[in-house]
Amino acid sequence: MDISIRTVQGLHRVEVRDRAGRVGTAAVELRYRRITVLPPIGKQKRYPPLSLTVLYARELETPKDRPAIDWRLITDLLVDSPEQAVEKLDWYARRWKIEVFHHILKTGCRAEHARLRAAVDQAFVPLDAPIAGAREVAIFPPVTGG
């Protein structure tokens, strides 16, 4: 599917880092549209069609010190406005911070060997459970009784 033919539906500024770690901003064009994905032939009686949103964010200019942003996201969440598109982009951008957090837990903190317990929104979860969108995240060392 090619959504590049769609008109630009918004502009957004994204915080980025170059290869040296310096913080800057990038201006991206936003395009989005709703699509329907049908199940494979032979499985259409067992599975319903999926209604998905394709969100495309592309940097206006190619920077000299890092690759240009060219994100294509697919979600089952509805996107009807540039504000909703920006919200989904922000979630995606936070994903990398969450990945780093989990990597530090597993490697630096040796969380899997330390018998730590975790809770997201006051419910116990595995240490590698997703935390995007959580209101509260807690990590319990073994001495607290968790």
C-alpha atoms as a PDB file:
ATOM      1  CA  MET A   1       0.000   0.000   0.000  1.00  0.00           C
ATOM      2  CA  ASP A   2       1.332   3.399  -0.924  1.00  0.00           C
ATOM      3  CA  ILE A   3       0.189   6.250   1.289  1.00  0.00           C
ATOM      4  CA  SER A   4       2.742   8.674  -0.108  1.00  0.00           C
ATOM      5  CA  ILE A   5       0.076   9.926  -2.536  1.00  0.00           C
ATOM      6  CA  ARG A   6      -1.986  11.229   0.366  1.00  0.00           C
ATOM      7  CA  THR A   7      -1.823  14.915   1.127  1.00  0.00           C
ATOM      8  CA  VAL A   8       0.118  16.079   4.167  1.00  0.00           C
ATOM      9  CA  GLN A   9      -2.305  16.186   7.087  1.00  0.00           C
ATOM     10  CA  GLY A  10      -0.078  17.864   9.629  1.00  0.00           C
ATOM     11  CA  LEU A  11       3.425  18.859  10.661  1.00  0.00           C
ATOM     12  CA  HIS A  12       5.170  17.965  13.892  1.00  0.00           C
ATOM     13  CA  ARG A  13       8.523  18.575  15.554  1.00  0.00           C
ATOM     14  CA  VAL A  14      10.329  15.562  17.038  1.00  0.00           C
ATOM     15  CA  GLU A  15      13.246  15.681  19.475  1.00  0.00           C
ATOM     16  CA  VAL A  16      16.215  13.770  18.024  1.00  0.00           C
ATOM     17  CA  ARG A  17      19.872  13.106  18.799  1.00  0.00           C
ATOM     18  CA  ASP A  18      22.673  13.111  16.290  1.00  0.00           C
ATOM     19  CA  ARG A  19      25.497  10.557  16.218  1.00  0.00           C
ATOM     20  CA  ALA A  20      27.422  12.588  18.829  1.00  0.00           C
ATOM     21  CA  GLY A  21      24.423  12.598  21.174  1.00  0.00           C
ATOM     22  CA  ARG A  22      23.530  16.271  20.673  1.00  0.00           C
ATOM     23  CA  VAL A  23      19.821  17.036  21.015  1.00  0.00           C
ATOM     24  CA  GLY A  24      17.975  18.761  18.201  1.00  0.00           C
ATOM     25  CA  THR A  25      14.580  18.832  16.548  1.00  0.00           C
ATOM     26  CA  ALA A  26      13.307  17.461  13.275  1.00  0.00           C
ATOM     27  CA  ALA A  27      10.233  18.623  11.369  1.00  0.00           C
ATOM     28  CA  VAL A  28       8.170  15.739  10.030  1.00  0.00           C
ATOM     29  CA  GLU A  29       5.181  15.602   7.708  1.00  0.00           C
ATOM     30  CA  LEU A  30       2.250  13.540   8.950  1.00  0.00           C
ATOM     31  CA  ARG A  31       0.078  11.382   6.733  1.00  0.00           C
ATOM     32  CA  TYR A  32      -2.432   8.803   7.904  1.00  0.00           C
ATOM     33  CA  ARG A  33      -5.389   6.811   6.713  1.00  0.00           C
ATOM     34  CA  ARG A  34      -7.593   3.925   7.746  1.00  0.00           C
ATOM     35  CA  ILE A  35      -7.277   0.621   5.880  1.00  0.00           C
ATOM     36  CA  THR A  36      -8.964  -2.773   6.073  1.00  0.00           C
ATOM     37  CA  VAL A  37      -6.855  -5.917   5.992  1.00  0.00           C
ATOM     38  CA  LEU A  38      -8.675  -9.107   5.080  1.00  0.00           C
ATOM     39  CA  PRO A  39      -7.737 -12.490   6.541  1.00  0.00           C
ATOM     40  CA  PRO A  40      -6.031 -14.992   4.231  1.00  0.00           C
ATOM     41  CA  ILE A  41      -8.248 -16.869   1.800  1.00  0.00           C
ATOM     42  CA  GLY A  42      -9.598 -19.949   3.514  1.00  0.00           C
ATOM     43  CA  LYS A  43      -9.583 -18.295   6.952  1.00  0.00           C
ATOM     44  CA  GLN A  44     -12.105 -15.550   6.333  1.00  0.00           C
ATOM     45  CA  LYS A  45     -14.901 -17.452   8.073  1.00  0.00           C
ATOM     46  CA  ARG A  46     -12.840 -17.796  11.273  1.00  0.00           C
ATOM     47  CA  TYR A  47     -11.215 -14.358  11.397  1.00  0.00           C
ATOM     48  CA  PRO A  48     -12.749 -10.913  10.889  1.00  0.00           C
ATOM     49  CA  PRO A  49     -11.166  -8.197   8.748  1.00  0.00           C
ATOM     50  CA  LEU A  50      -8.825  -5.864  10.633  1.00  0.00           C
ATOM     51  CA  SER A  51      -9.444  -2.145  10.592  1.00  0.00           C
ATOM     52  CA  LEU A  52      -6.053  -0.461  10.968  1.00  0.00           C
ATOM     53  CA  THR A  53      -4.540   3.004  10.756  1.00  0.00           C
ATOM     54  CA  VAL A  54      -1.355   3.523   8.779  1.00  0.00           C
ATOM     55  CA  LEU A  55       0.607   6.517  10.038  1.00  0.00           C
ATOM     56  CA  TYR A  56       3.525   7.884   8.047  1.00  0.00           C
ATOM     57  CA  ALA A  57       5.966  10.481   9.402  1.00  0.00           C
ATOM     58  CA  ARG A  58       8.714  11.692   7.093  1.00  0.00           C
ATOM     59  CA  GLU A  59      11.346  14.316   7.791  1.00  0.00           C
ATOM     60  CA  LEU A  60      11.179  17.313   5.493  1.00  0.00           C
ATOM     61  CA  GLU A  61      14.937  17.725   5.029  1.00  0.00           C
ATOM     62  CA  THR A  62      17.728  15.173   5.167  1.00  0.00           C
ATOM     63  CA  PRO A  63      20.121  16.084   7.994  1.00  0.00           C
ATOM     64  CA  LYS A  64      23.889  15.809   7.599  1.00  0.00           C
ATOM     65  CA  ASP A  65      24.617  14.214  10.982  1.00  0.00           C
ATOM     66  CA  ARG A  66      22.015  11.421  11.189  1.00  0.00           C
ATOM     67  CA  PRO A  67      19.559   9.439   9.072  1.00  0.00           C
ATOM     68  CA  ALA A  68      16.314  11.197   8.178  1.00  0.00           C
ATOM     69  CA  ILE A  69      13.173  10.148  10.052  1.00  0.00           C
ATOM     70  CA  ASP A  70      11.007   7.889   7.897  1.00  0.00           C
ATOM     71  CA  TRP A  71       8.537   6.122  10.172  1.00  0.00           C
ATOM     72  CA  ARG A  72       5.643   3.930   9.048  1.00  0.00           C
ATOM     73  CA  LEU A  73       3.465   2.822  11.923  1.00  0.00           C
ATOM     74  CA  ILE A  74       0.450   0.535  11.866  1.00  0.00           C
ATOM     75  CA  THR A  75      -2.023   0.543  14.734  1.00  0.00           C
ATOM     76  CA  ASP A  76      -5.532  -0.612  15.459  1.00  0.00           C
ATOM     77  CA  LEU A  77      -6.157   2.742  17.165  1.00  0.00           C
ATOM     78  CA  LEU A  78      -8.191   5.347  15.331  1.00  0.00           C
ATOM     79  CA  VAL A  79      -6.387   8.460  14.079  1.00  0.00           C
ATOM     80  CA  ASP A  80      -8.774  11.195  12.953  1.00  0.00           C
ATOM     81  CA  SER A  81      -6.682  14.311  13.543  1.00  0.00           C
ATOM     82  CA  PRO A  82      -3.093  15.542  13.494  1.00  0.00           C
ATOM     83  CA  GLU A  83      -3.227  15.683  17.312  1.00  0.00           C
ATOM     84  CA  GLN A  84      -4.093  11.979  17.495  1.00  0.00           C
ATOM     85  CA  ALA A  85      -1.320  11.212  14.994  1.00  0.00           C
ATOM     86  CA  VAL A  86       1.197  13.133  17.142  1.00  0.00           C
ATOM     87  CA  GLU A  87       0.043  11.204  20.216  1.00  0.00           C
ATOM     88  CA  LYS A  88       0.792   7.874  18.490  1.00  0.00           C
ATOM     89  CA  LEU A  89       4.172   9.177  17.255  1.00  0.00           C
ATOM     90  CA  ASP A  90       5.082  10.228  20.789  1.00  0.00           C
ATOM     91  CA  TRP A  91       4.241   6.731  22.018  1.00  0.00           C
ATOM     92  CA  TYR A  92       6.495   5.270  19.339  1.00  0.00           C
ATOM     93  CA  ALA A  93       9.342   7.645  20.214  1.00  0.00           C
ATOM     94  CA  ARG A  94       9.075   6.629  23.889  1.00  0.00           C
ATOM     95  CA  ARG A  95       9.370   2.991  22.886  1.00  0.00           C
ATOM     96  CA  TRP A  96      13.138   3.354  22.495  1.00  0.00           C
ATOM     97  CA  LYS A  97      13.501   4.692  26.030  1.00  0.00           C
ATOM     98  CA  ILE A  98      11.460   1.750  27.280  1.00  0.00           C
ATOM     99  CA  GLU A  99      13.688  -0.672  25.328  1.00  0.00           C
ATOM    100  CA  VAL A 100      16.775   0.851  26.967  1.00  0.00           C
ATOM    101  CA  PHE A 101      15.093   0.607  30.387  1.00  0.00           C
ATOM    102  CA  HIS A 102      14.412  -3.114  29.878  1.00  0.00           C
ATOM    103  CA  HIS A 103      17.934  -3.718  28.576  1.00  0.00           C
ATOM    104  CA  ILE A 104      19.432  -2.093  31.683  1.00  0.00           C
ATOM    105  CA  LEU A 105      17.135  -4.119  33.929  1.00  0.00           C
ATOM    106  CA  LYS A 106      18.133  -7.386  32.277  1.00  0.00           C
ATOM    107  CA  THR A 107      21.845  -6.770  31.809  1.00  0.00           C
ATOM    108  CA  GLY A 108      23.065  -4.052  34.158  1.00  0.00           C
ATOM    109  CA  CYS A 109      20.791  -4.893  37.079  1.00  0.00           C
ATOM    110  CA  ARG A 110      20.699  -8.625  36.307  1.00  0.00           C
ATOM    111  CA  ALA A 111      17.012  -8.398  37.120  1.00  0.00           C
ATOM    112  CA  GLU A 112      16.251 -11.955  36.074  1.00  0.00           C
ATOM    113  CA  HIS A 113      18.800 -13.290  38.568  1.00  0.00           C
ATOM    114  CA  ALA A 114      17.959 -10.888  41.370  1.00  0.00           C
ATOM    115  CA  ARG A 115      14.432 -12.237  41.975  1.00  0.00           C
ATOM    116  CA  LEU A 116      12.957  -8.786  41.451  1.00  0.00           C
ATOM    117  CA  ARG A 117       9.213  -8.427  41.009  1.00  0.00           C
ATOM    118  CA  ALA A 118       7.426  -5.768  39.011  1.00  0.00           C
ATOM    119  CA  ALA A 119       3.968  -4.251  38.963  1.00  0.00           C
ATOM    120  CA  VAL A 120       2.281  -2.079  36.363  1.00  0.00           C
ATOM    121  CA  ASP A 121      -0.742  -0.081  37.495  1.00  0.00           C
ATOM    122  CA  GLN A 122      -0.791  -2.078  40.756  1.00  0.00           C
ATOM    123  CA  ALA A 123      -0.878  -5.509  39.095  1.00  0.00           C
ATOM    124  CA  PHE A 124       2.085  -7.919  39.187  1.00  0.00           C
ATOM    125  CA  VAL A 125       3.649  -8.516  35.765  1.00  0.00           C
ATOM    126  CA  PRO A 126       6.797 -10.180  34.372  1.00  0.00           C
ATOM    127  CA  LEU A 127       9.874  -7.933  34.421  1.00  0.00           C
ATOM    128  CA  ASP A 128       9.807  -7.619  30.640  1.00  0.00           C
ATOM    129  CA  ALA A 129       6.124  -6.630  30.471  1.00  0.00           C
ATOM    130  CA  PRO A 130       5.297  -3.592  28.329  1.00  0.00           C
ATOM    131  CA  ILE A 131       4.991  -0.350  30.280  1.00  0.00           C
ATOM    132  CA  ALA A 132       3.929   2.026  27.497  1.00  0.00           C
ATOM    133  CA  GLY A 133       0.859   3.890  28.638  1.00  0.00           C
ATOM    134  CA  ALA A 134       1.209   2.756  32.248  1.00  0.00           C
ATOM    135  CA  ARG A 135       0.321   5.234  34.957  1.00  0.00           C
ATOM    136  CA  GLU A 136       2.442   3.548  37.616  1.00  0.00           C
ATOM    137  CA  VAL A 137       5.442   1.196  37.460  1.00  0.00           C
ATOM    138  CA  ALA A 138       6.969  -0.388  40.568  1.00  0.00           C
ATOM    139  CA  ILE A 139       9.951  -2.712  41.006  1.00  0.00           C
ATOM    140  CA  PHE A 140      10.226  -4.693  44.226  1.00  0.00           C
ATOM    141  CA  PRO A 141      13.505  -6.140  45.511  1.00  0.00           C
ATOM    142  CA  PRO A 142      13.173  -9.477  47.321  1.00  0.00           C
ATOM    143  CA  VAL A 143      13.478  -7.901  50.792  1.00  0.00           C
ATOM    144  CA  THR A 144      10.185  -6.008  50.486  1.00  0.00           C
ATOM    145  CA  GLY A 145       8.136  -9.168  50.257  1.00  0.00           C
ATOM    146  CA  GLY A 146       6.422  -7.726  47.120  1.00  0.00           C
END
